[in-house]
Amino acid sequence: MDMFLTDAEISRICEPLVQAAAQVRYLRELGLTVTTKPNGRPLVVRSHAEAVLSGRPIDQLPAFDVERKSPGPNRERFLASIARDRAA
């Protein structure tokens, strides 16, 4: 089973909404933590969706940090690989 809900599963939950932005808004109204794919479609972690949609109390839900920024480039490793390539 996939870690994320499929587009078909999201469409079924959001029916009759078809626009990605409308689906994202609706899923967030349900209490789900939603991020977006590069194409704008919603991305929802399956375990979180199952917990929220099953009606578990909020204090028992896993915490998701959607504000966390992706890590930046690893400059030191990049420079080390360049030095290794030059030495070869």
Protein backbone atom coordinates (compact mmCIF):
# COMPACT_ATOMS: atom_id res chain seq x y z
CA MET A 1 0.00 0.00 0.00
CA ASP A 2 1.23 3.47 -0.90
CA MET A 3 2.29 6.00 1.69
CA PHE A 4 0.06 8.65 0.08
CA LEU A 5 -3.56 8.59 -1.05
CA THR A 6 -3.88 8.07 -4.80
CA ASP A 7 -5.46 10.69 -7.04
CA ALA A 8 -8.43 8.35 -7.50
CA GLU A 9 -8.92 8.08 -3.72
CA ILE A 10 -8.71 11.84 -3.31
CA SER A 11 -11.18 12.35 -6.15
CA ARG A 12 -13.59 9.92 -4.51
CA ILE A 13 -13.36 11.75 -1.15
CA CYS A 14 -13.79 15.15 -2.82
CA GLU A 15 -16.50 14.17 -5.30
CA PRO A 16 -17.97 16.20 -7.10
CA LEU A 17 -15.02 18.64 -6.84
CA VAL A 18 -12.57 18.21 -9.71
CA GLN A 19 -10.28 21.25 -9.53
CA ALA A 20 -7.13 20.62 -7.52
CA ALA A 21 -7.37 23.88 -5.54
CA ALA A 22 -10.97 23.13 -4.54
CA GLN A 23 -9.97 19.61 -3.46
CA VAL A 24 -7.12 20.99 -1.35
CA ARG A 25 -9.49 23.44 0.39
CA TYR A 26 -12.08 20.71 1.04
CA LEU A 27 -9.52 18.25 2.43
CA ARG A 28 -8.16 20.93 4.76
CA GLU A 29 -11.73 21.68 5.92
CA LEU A 30 -12.00 17.99 6.85
CA GLY A 31 -8.98 18.49 9.12
CA LEU A 32 -6.42 16.77 6.94
CA THR A 33 -2.86 18.00 6.55
CA VAL A 34 -2.50 18.60 2.82
CA THR A 35 0.54 19.54 0.81
CA THR A 36 0.53 19.95 -2.95
CA LYS A 37 2.36 18.19 -5.72
CA PRO A 38 4.20 20.29 -8.33
CA ASN A 39 1.13 19.95 -10.60
CA GLY A 40 -1.09 21.45 -7.88
CA ARG A 41 -2.86 18.19 -6.98
CA PRO A 42 -3.33 17.46 -3.26
CA LEU A 43 -0.91 15.15 -1.47
CA VAL A 44 -2.18 13.47 1.71
CA VAL A 45 -0.38 10.96 3.94
CA ARG A 46 -2.49 7.80 4.10
CA SER A 47 -2.03 7.12 7.82
CA HIS A 48 -3.05 10.68 8.70
CA ALA A 49 -6.11 10.51 6.43
CA GLU A 50 -7.17 7.20 7.99
CA ALA A 51 -6.78 8.63 11.47
CA VAL A 52 -8.73 11.83 10.74
CA LEU A 53 -11.47 10.20 8.68
CA SER A 54 -11.97 7.44 11.27
CA GLY A 55 -12.85 10.08 13.85
CA ARG A 56 -9.95 9.58 16.25
CA PRO A 57 -9.61 12.31 18.88
CA ILE A 58 -7.21 15.10 17.87
CA ASP A 59 -4.76 14.32 20.69
CA GLN A 60 -4.25 10.80 19.29
CA LEU A 61 -3.43 11.93 15.77
CA PRO A 62 0.16 11.92 14.51
CA ALA A 63 1.75 15.35 14.28
CA PHE A 64 2.74 16.56 10.83
CA ASP A 65 4.93 19.60 10.32
CA VAL A 66 3.85 21.05 6.98
CA GLU A 67 5.77 24.27 7.58
CA ARG A 68 9.10 22.44 7.66
CA LYS A 69 11.27 23.61 4.81
CA SER A 70 13.08 21.15 2.61
CA PRO A 71 16.78 20.86 3.41
CA GLY A 72 19.13 23.00 1.42
CA PRO A 73 21.99 21.76 -0.71
CA ASN A 74 24.83 19.97 1.03
CA ARG A 75 27.63 22.35 0.05
CA GLU A 76 30.38 20.46 1.86
CA ARG A 77 29.56 17.18 0.16
CA PHE A 78 29.37 18.88 -3.23
CA LEU A 79 32.80 20.45 -2.78
CA ALA A 80 34.24 17.13 -1.57
CA SER A 81 32.94 15.36 -4.69
CA ILE A 82 34.51 18.02 -6.94
CA ALA A 83 37.84 17.66 -5.11
CA ARG A 84 37.63 13.85 -5.44
CA ASP A 85 36.90 14.11 -9.18
CA ARG A 86 39.84 16.47 -9.71
CA ALA A 87 42.17 14.16 -7.81
CA ALA A 88 41.22 11.18 -9.98
